[in-house]
Amino acid sequence: MKSAFKMKGMDFGNSPQKQVPLSKGEKKKGTMITGGSDAEVINDLEDRIDFLNSDLQDSDSTMEKGQIMTQLNKLKVRLKKERAK
């Protein structure tokens, strides 16, 4: 007879992913994270990446470009994880 033991709060297979927080620039522009289904999360991430790429091209500040690149890298990693599900 098999015995199933599961500690409360310990579900390694289905742990929810946290959304990448908005950058300062995204907050200023009024960007929102809607979430929802996997497809909606992927669409949100793709949109945020597109917007940040546009911001990167428009930016004159080296420091701002660095912050945008950091945010872009986080979003790309998260997008890759979401697509792999």
N, C-alpha and C. Protein backbone atom coordinates (compact mmCIF):
# COMPACT_ATOMS: atom_id res chain seq x y z
N MET A 1 0.84 -1.17 0.00
CA MET A 1 0.00 0.00 0.00
C MET A 1 0.89 1.24 0.00
N LYS A 2 0.65 2.14 -0.94
CA LYS A 2 1.44 3.35 -1.04
C LYS A 2 0.92 4.39 -0.07
N SER A 3 1.83 5.10 0.49
CA SER A 3 1.48 6.17 1.40
C SER A 3 1.87 7.50 0.77
N ALA A 4 0.92 8.39 0.67
CA ALA A 4 1.21 9.70 0.08
C ALA A 4 1.36 10.71 1.20
N PHE A 5 2.48 11.37 1.22
CA PHE A 5 2.74 12.39 2.22
C PHE A 5 3.07 13.67 1.50
N LYS A 6 2.34 14.70 1.80
CA LYS A 6 2.56 15.99 1.15
C LYS A 6 2.56 17.07 2.21
N MET A 7 3.66 17.77 2.32
CA MET A 7 3.73 18.86 3.27
C MET A 7 2.94 20.04 2.74
N LYS A 8 2.25 20.69 3.62
CA LYS A 8 1.46 21.85 3.24
C LYS A 8 2.36 22.92 2.61
N GLY A 9 1.96 23.40 1.44
CA GLY A 9 2.72 24.45 0.77
C GLY A 9 3.89 23.95 -0.05
N MET A 10 4.08 22.65 -0.13
CA MET A 10 5.22 22.11 -0.86
C MET A 10 4.73 21.42 -2.13
N ASP A 11 4.57 22.17 -3.18
CA ASP A 11 4.15 21.63 -4.46
C ASP A 11 5.14 22.12 -5.51
N PHE A 12 6.18 21.32 -5.73
CA PHE A 12 7.26 21.75 -6.60
C PHE A 12 6.89 21.72 -8.07
N GLY A 13 5.93 20.91 -8.45
CA GLY A 13 5.58 20.79 -9.85
C GLY A 13 4.73 21.92 -10.37
N ASN A 14 3.93 22.51 -9.53
CA ASN A 14 2.99 23.52 -9.99
C ASN A 14 3.15 24.86 -9.28
N SER A 15 4.36 25.21 -8.95
CA SER A 15 4.56 26.48 -8.25
C SER A 15 4.31 27.63 -9.21
N PRO A 16 3.51 28.61 -8.80
CA PRO A 16 3.19 29.72 -9.70
C PRO A 16 4.41 30.62 -9.92
N GLN A 17 4.53 31.12 -11.14
CA GLN A 17 5.61 32.03 -11.48
C GLN A 17 5.17 33.46 -11.15
N LYS A 18 6.06 34.21 -10.56
CA LYS A 18 5.74 35.61 -10.31
C LYS A 18 6.05 36.41 -11.56
N GLN A 19 5.24 37.39 -11.80
CA GLN A 19 5.44 38.26 -12.96
C GLN A 19 6.63 39.17 -12.71
N VAL A 20 7.38 39.48 -13.74
CA VAL A 20 8.50 40.42 -13.64
C VAL A 20 7.90 41.79 -13.30
N PRO A 21 8.36 42.41 -12.22
CA PRO A 21 7.78 43.71 -11.85
C PRO A 21 8.04 44.77 -12.91
N LEU A 22 7.17 45.76 -12.95
CA LEU A 22 7.31 46.85 -13.90
C LEU A 22 8.52 47.71 -13.55
N SER A 23 9.21 48.19 -14.57
CA SER A 23 10.31 49.11 -14.36
C SER A 23 9.73 50.50 -14.08
N LYS A 24 10.58 51.43 -13.64
CA LYS A 24 10.12 52.80 -13.38
C LYS A 24 9.53 53.42 -14.64
N GLY A 25 10.17 53.20 -15.76
CA GLY A 25 9.69 53.75 -17.03
C GLY A 25 8.34 53.19 -17.42
N GLU A 26 8.16 51.88 -17.17
CA GLU A 26 6.87 51.27 -17.50
C GLU A 26 5.76 51.82 -16.59
N LYS A 27 6.09 52.03 -15.33
CA LYS A 27 5.10 52.59 -14.39
C LYS A 27 4.70 53.99 -14.81
N LYS A 28 5.68 54.81 -15.24
CA LYS A 28 5.40 56.18 -15.67
C LYS A 28 4.47 56.20 -16.88
N LYS A 29 4.64 55.23 -17.77
CA LYS A 29 3.83 55.18 -18.98
C LYS A 29 2.46 54.55 -18.74
N GLY A 30 2.25 54.02 -17.55
CA GLY A 30 0.95 53.43 -17.23
C GLY A 30 0.79 51.99 -17.68
N THR A 31 1.90 51.28 -17.87
CA THR A 31 1.85 49.88 -18.26
C THR A 31 1.20 49.07 -17.14
N MET A 32 0.36 48.10 -17.54
CA MET A 32 -0.31 47.25 -16.57
C MET A 32 -0.01 45.79 -16.89
N ILE A 33 0.02 44.97 -15.84
CA ILE A 33 0.19 43.53 -16.00
C ILE A 33 -1.20 42.92 -15.80
N THR A 34 -1.71 42.27 -16.84
CA THR A 34 -3.05 41.71 -16.72
C THR A 34 -3.04 40.26 -16.27
N GLY A 35 -2.06 39.49 -16.69
CA GLY A 35 -2.00 38.09 -16.28
C GLY A 35 -3.11 37.28 -16.91
N GLY A 36 -3.49 36.20 -16.24
CA GLY A 36 -4.55 35.35 -16.76
C GLY A 36 -3.99 34.05 -17.27
N SER A 37 -4.48 33.63 -18.43
CA SER A 37 -4.04 32.37 -19.02
C SER A 37 -2.59 32.47 -19.48
N ASP A 38 -2.01 31.32 -19.79
CA ASP A 38 -0.62 31.30 -20.27
C ASP A 38 -0.47 32.14 -21.53
N ALA A 39 -1.44 32.08 -22.43
CA ALA A 39 -1.37 32.85 -23.68
C ALA A 39 -1.39 34.35 -23.38
N GLU A 40 -2.21 34.77 -22.41
CA GLU A 40 -2.28 36.19 -22.07
C GLU A 40 -0.97 36.67 -21.44
N VAL A 41 -0.37 35.84 -20.60
CA VAL A 41 0.91 36.19 -19.98
C VAL A 41 1.98 36.34 -21.06
N ILE A 42 2.01 35.42 -22.01
CA ILE A 42 2.99 35.48 -23.10
C ILE A 42 2.77 36.75 -23.92
N ASN A 43 1.52 37.06 -24.24
CA ASN A 43 1.22 38.28 -25.00
C ASN A 43 1.65 39.53 -24.24
N ASP A 44 1.39 39.57 -22.93
CA ASP A 44 1.80 40.70 -22.11
C ASP A 44 3.32 40.87 -22.14
N LEU A 45 4.04 39.77 -21.99
CA LEU A 45 5.50 39.83 -21.99
C LEU A 45 6.02 40.31 -23.34
N GLU A 46 5.45 39.80 -24.42
CA GLU A 46 5.88 40.22 -25.76
C GLU A 46 5.62 41.71 -25.97
N ASP A 47 4.46 42.18 -25.52
CA ASP A 47 4.16 43.61 -25.65
C ASP A 47 5.14 44.46 -24.86
N ARG A 48 5.43 44.04 -23.63
CA ARG A 48 6.36 44.80 -22.80
C ARG A 48 7.75 44.84 -23.43
N ILE A 49 8.17 43.72 -24.02
CA ILE A 49 9.48 43.68 -24.69
C ILE A 49 9.49 44.64 -25.88
N ASP A 50 8.41 44.65 -26.66
CA ASP A 50 8.33 45.56 -27.81
C ASP A 50 8.39 47.02 -27.36
N PHE A 51 7.63 47.36 -26.31
CA PHE A 51 7.63 48.73 -25.81
C PHE A 51 9.01 49.14 -25.29
N LEU A 52 9.66 48.24 -24.58
CA LEU A 52 10.99 48.57 -24.04
C LEU A 52 12.02 48.69 -25.16
N ASN A 53 11.91 47.89 -26.21
CA ASN A 53 12.81 48.03 -27.36
C ASN A 53 12.65 49.41 -28.00
N SER A 54 11.41 49.87 -28.08
CA SER A 54 11.14 51.20 -28.62
C SER A 54 11.74 52.28 -27.70
N ASP A 55 11.56 52.10 -26.39
CA ASP A 55 12.13 53.04 -25.43
C ASP A 55 13.65 53.07 -25.52
N LEU A 56 14.24 51.91 -25.74
CA LEU A 56 15.70 51.81 -25.84
C LEU A 56 16.22 52.63 -27.02
N GLN A 57 15.53 52.56 -28.14
CA GLN A 57 15.94 53.31 -29.32
C GLN A 57 15.76 54.81 -29.13
N ASP A 58 14.75 55.20 -28.36
CA ASP A 58 14.45 56.62 -28.14
C ASP A 58 15.29 57.25 -27.03
N SER A 59 15.94 56.43 -26.22
CA SER A 59 16.66 56.93 -25.06
C SER A 59 18.01 57.54 -25.44
N ASP A 60 18.33 58.66 -24.80
CA ASP A 60 19.63 59.30 -25.00
C ASP A 60 20.57 59.04 -23.82
N SER A 61 20.03 58.66 -22.70
CA SER A 61 20.80 58.47 -21.48
C SER A 61 21.40 57.07 -21.42
N THR A 62 22.70 56.99 -21.17
CA THR A 62 23.38 55.71 -21.06
C THR A 62 22.87 54.93 -19.86
N MET A 63 22.63 55.62 -18.75
CA MET A 63 22.14 54.96 -17.55
C MET A 63 20.73 54.40 -17.80
N GLU A 64 19.89 55.16 -18.46
CA GLU A 64 18.53 54.70 -18.76
C GLU A 64 18.57 53.50 -19.70
N LYS A 65 19.47 53.53 -20.68
CA LYS A 65 19.61 52.40 -21.60
C LYS A 65 20.02 51.14 -20.84
N GLY A 66 20.89 51.29 -19.86
CA GLY A 66 21.31 50.15 -19.05
C GLY A 66 20.16 49.56 -18.26
N GLN A 67 19.32 50.43 -17.70
CA GLN A 67 18.15 49.98 -16.94
C GLN A 67 17.16 49.27 -17.86
N ILE A 68 16.97 49.81 -19.04
CA ILE A 68 16.05 49.19 -19.99
C ILE A 68 16.58 47.82 -20.42
N MET A 69 17.87 47.73 -20.68
CA MET A 69 18.46 46.44 -21.08
C MET A 69 18.30 45.40 -19.98
N THR A 70 18.49 45.81 -18.72
CA THR A 70 18.32 44.89 -17.60
C THR A 70 16.89 44.37 -17.57
N GLN A 71 15.93 45.27 -17.71
CA GLN A 71 14.52 44.89 -17.70
C GLN A 71 14.20 43.99 -18.90
N LEU A 72 14.74 44.31 -20.06
CA LEU A 72 14.52 43.49 -21.25
C LEU A 72 15.03 42.06 -21.05
N ASN A 73 16.21 41.94 -20.46
CA ASN A 73 16.78 40.61 -20.23
C ASN A 73 15.91 39.79 -19.29
N LYS A 74 15.38 40.42 -18.23
CA LYS A 74 14.49 39.72 -17.30
C LYS A 74 13.24 39.25 -18.01
N LEU A 75 12.67 40.11 -18.83
CA LEU A 75 11.44 39.77 -19.54
C LEU A 75 11.67 38.65 -20.56
N LYS A 76 12.81 38.69 -21.24
CA LYS A 76 13.11 37.65 -22.23
C LYS A 76 13.28 36.28 -21.56
N VAL A 77 13.91 36.26 -20.40
CA VAL A 77 14.08 35.01 -19.66
C VAL A 77 12.71 34.47 -19.25
N ARG A 78 11.87 35.35 -18.73
CA ARG A 78 10.53 34.94 -18.31
C ARG A 78 9.70 34.45 -19.50
N LEU A 79 9.81 35.13 -20.63
CA LEU A 79 9.09 34.73 -21.83
C LEU A 79 9.53 33.34 -22.28
N LYS A 80 10.81 33.09 -22.24
CA LYS A 80 11.35 31.78 -22.63
C LYS A 80 10.78 30.69 -21.72
N LYS A 81 10.70 30.96 -20.42
CA LYS A 81 10.13 30.00 -19.47
C LYS A 81 8.66 29.75 -19.75
N GLU A 82 7.93 30.80 -20.04
CA GLU A 82 6.50 30.68 -20.31
C GLU A 82 6.23 29.88 -21.57
N ARG A 83 7.04 30.09 -22.59
CA ARG A 83 6.86 29.36 -23.85
C ARG A 83 7.22 27.88 -23.71
N ALA A 84 8.11 27.56 -22.76
CA ALA A 84 8.55 26.19 -22.57
C ALA A 84 7.52 25.34 -21.81
N LYS A 85 6.51 25.97 -21.24
CA LYS A 85 5.51 25.22 -20.46
C LYS A 85 4.73 24.27 -21.33
